[in-house]
Structure formats: structure tokens, C-alpha cells
Amino acid sequence: MRGHILERSFGHWAIVLDIRDPETGARKRKCHSFRGTKREAQIECSRLITEFNQGSYVEPSKTTLSMFLDRWLEQIK
């Protein structure tokens, strides 16, 4: 897996991770926004790559608290 950073504006970075789909072999890109220095963005990129390789990467989601609690209540019934 590879990754790189792009500067969007001063102090704002895009971390782009190039991921291969294990089933199809197709290349996918995951983008993360980051705010800080270039060096901090490079460290964050390294951390994300390491997490993905170790299998501990959790993809961010747009689930709201109410949606999460509704699903949780259904599961515990």
C-alpha cells in the first residue's frame, strides 16, 4: 500500500492512500483531510498506512449519534 500528501492550502493537507481491492485487484483511493504542518501530515500518512497494513484501520463514517443509538437499541432487544 502506498500513500502521499497534497497541500490544499496553507496548513491544510490531503492524505491520499492507494489501496488495492483484494477481490478484484482494482485500485481505490481513500482521502483524509489533515490540518497541521507538512511533517505532521507525513507522520499521519505513515500512521494510517501502518494501521491499514495491521488490519486495525477503521473507516470513518457519517453515522449520526441518533442513527447509532437506534441500531444499538434494535440489537439489544
C-alpha atoms as a PDB file:
ATOM      1  CA  MET A   1       0.000   0.000   0.000  1.00  0.00           C
ATOM      2  CA  ARG A   2       1.160   3.487  -0.768  1.00  0.00           C
ATOM      3  CA  GLY A   3       0.237   6.959   0.316  1.00  0.00           C
ATOM      4  CA  HIS A   4       1.141  10.552  -0.323  1.00  0.00           C
ATOM      5  CA  ILE A   5       0.173  14.041   0.785  1.00  0.00           C
ATOM      6  CA  LEU A   6      -1.037  17.039  -1.193  1.00  0.00           C
ATOM      7  CA  GLU A   7      -1.187  20.604   0.065  1.00  0.00           C
ATOM      8  CA  ARG A   8      -4.655  22.068  -0.450  1.00  0.00           C
ATOM      9  CA  SER A   9      -3.932  25.431   1.136  1.00  0.00           C
ATOM     10  CA  PHE A  10      -1.533  26.742   3.742  1.00  0.00           C
ATOM     11  CA  GLY A  11      -1.641  24.317   6.673  1.00  0.00           C
ATOM     12  CA  HIS A  12      -4.305  22.081   5.103  1.00  0.00           C
ATOM     13  CA  TRP A  13      -3.295  18.748   3.604  1.00  0.00           C
ATOM     14  CA  ALA A  14      -4.943  15.864   1.802  1.00  0.00           C
ATOM     15  CA  ILE A  15      -3.618  12.425   2.673  1.00  0.00           C
ATOM     16  CA  VAL A  16      -4.258  10.058  -0.230  1.00  0.00           C
ATOM     17  CA  LEU A  17      -3.965   6.311   0.341  1.00  0.00           C
ATOM     18  CA  ASP A  18      -3.741   3.996  -2.693  1.00  0.00           C
ATOM     19  CA  ILE A  19      -5.384   0.693  -1.788  1.00  0.00           C
ATOM     20  CA  ARG A  20      -5.815  -2.448  -3.878  1.00  0.00           C
ATOM     21  CA  ASP A  21      -9.143  -4.293  -3.615  1.00  0.00           C
ATOM     22  CA  PRO A  22      -8.220  -7.875  -2.636  1.00  0.00           C
ATOM     23  CA  GLU A  23     -11.081  -9.411  -4.641  1.00  0.00           C
ATOM     24  CA  THR A  24     -10.822  -7.542  -7.943  1.00  0.00           C
ATOM     25  CA  GLY A  25      -7.322  -6.079  -7.756  1.00  0.00           C
ATOM     26  CA  ALA A  26      -8.713  -2.678  -8.716  1.00  0.00           C
ATOM     27  CA  ARG A  27      -7.023   0.390  -7.279  1.00  0.00           C
ATOM     28  CA  LYS A  28      -9.037   2.503  -4.865  1.00  0.00           C
ATOM     29  CA  ARG A  29      -8.148   5.795  -3.245  1.00  0.00           C
ATOM     30  CA  LYS A  30      -9.018   6.901   0.253  1.00  0.00           C
ATOM     31  CA  CYS A  31      -8.627  10.592   1.040  1.00  0.00           C
ATOM     32  CA  HIS A  32      -8.263  12.075   4.507  1.00  0.00           C
ATOM     33  CA  SER A  33      -8.134  15.759   5.375  1.00  0.00           C
ATOM     34  CA  PHE A  34      -5.442  16.914   7.765  1.00  0.00           C
ATOM     35  CA  ARG A  35      -4.619  20.255   9.341  1.00  0.00           C
ATOM     36  CA  GLY A  36      -1.090  20.989  10.522  1.00  0.00           C
ATOM     37  CA  THR A  37       2.475  21.106   9.277  1.00  0.00           C
ATOM     38  CA  LYS A  38       3.892  19.098   6.395  1.00  0.00           C
ATOM     39  CA  ARG A  39       5.895  16.910   8.755  1.00  0.00           C
ATOM     40  CA  GLU A  40       2.809  16.180  10.878  1.00  0.00           C
ATOM     41  CA  ALA A  41       0.895  15.242   7.712  1.00  0.00           C
ATOM     42  CA  GLN A  42       3.693  12.851   6.712  1.00  0.00           C
ATOM     43  CA  ILE A  43       3.581  11.232  10.152  1.00  0.00           C
ATOM     44  CA  GLU A  44      -0.204  10.897   9.951  1.00  0.00           C
ATOM     45  CA  CYS A  45       0.106   9.332   6.498  1.00  0.00           C
ATOM     46  CA  SER A  46       2.588   6.794   7.879  1.00  0.00           C
ATOM     47  CA  ARG A  47       0.293   6.036  10.806  1.00  0.00           C
ATOM     48  CA  LEU A  48      -2.691   5.429   8.508  1.00  0.00           C
ATOM     49  CA  ILE A  49      -0.648   3.118   6.254  1.00  0.00           C
ATOM     50  CA  THR A  50       0.577   1.160   9.280  1.00  0.00           C
ATOM     51  CA  GLU A  51      -2.957   0.820  10.672  1.00  0.00           C
ATOM     52  CA  PHE A  52      -4.240  -0.417   7.331  1.00  0.00           C
ATOM     53  CA  ASN A  53      -1.446  -2.972   6.966  1.00  0.00           C
ATOM     54  CA  GLN A  54      -2.012  -4.261  10.510  1.00  0.00           C
ATOM     55  CA  GLY A  55      -5.772  -4.544   9.980  1.00  0.00           C
ATOM     56  CA  SER A  56      -6.698  -2.057  12.696  1.00  0.00           C
ATOM     57  CA  TYR A  57      -7.886   0.658  10.275  1.00  0.00           C
ATOM     58  CA  VAL A  58     -11.473   1.767  10.898  1.00  0.00           C
ATOM     59  CA  GLU A  59     -13.018   3.705   8.048  1.00  0.00           C
ATOM     60  CA  PRO A  60     -14.669   6.961   9.117  1.00  0.00           C
ATOM     61  CA  SER A  61     -18.425   7.046   8.678  1.00  0.00           C
ATOM     62  CA  LYS A  62     -21.101   9.712   8.610  1.00  0.00           C
ATOM     63  CA  THR A  63     -23.315   7.912  11.132  1.00  0.00           C
ATOM     64  CA  THR A  64     -25.049  10.305  13.497  1.00  0.00           C
ATOM     65  CA  LEU A  65     -25.458   9.579  17.174  1.00  0.00           C
ATOM     66  CA  SER A  66     -29.212   9.061  16.808  1.00  0.00           C
ATOM     67  CA  MET A  67     -28.692   6.554  13.961  1.00  0.00           C
ATOM     68  CA  PHE A  68     -26.118   4.679  16.050  1.00  0.00           C
ATOM     69  CA  LEU A  69     -28.370   4.581  19.107  1.00  0.00           C
ATOM     70  CA  ASP A  70     -31.355   3.380  17.043  1.00  0.00           C
ATOM     71  CA  ARG A  71     -29.289   0.471  15.680  1.00  0.00           C
ATOM     72  CA  TRP A  72     -27.923  -0.267  19.135  1.00  0.00           C
ATOM     73  CA  LEU A  73     -31.423  -0.372  20.682  1.00  0.00           C
ATOM     74  CA  GLU A  74     -32.617  -2.760  17.967  1.00  0.00           C
ATOM     75  CA  GLN A  75     -29.669  -5.073  18.600  1.00  0.00           C
ATOM     76  CA  ILE A  76     -30.128  -5.316  22.361  1.00  0.00           C
ATOM     77  CA  LYS A  77     -33.869  -6.111  22.176  1.00  0.00           C
END
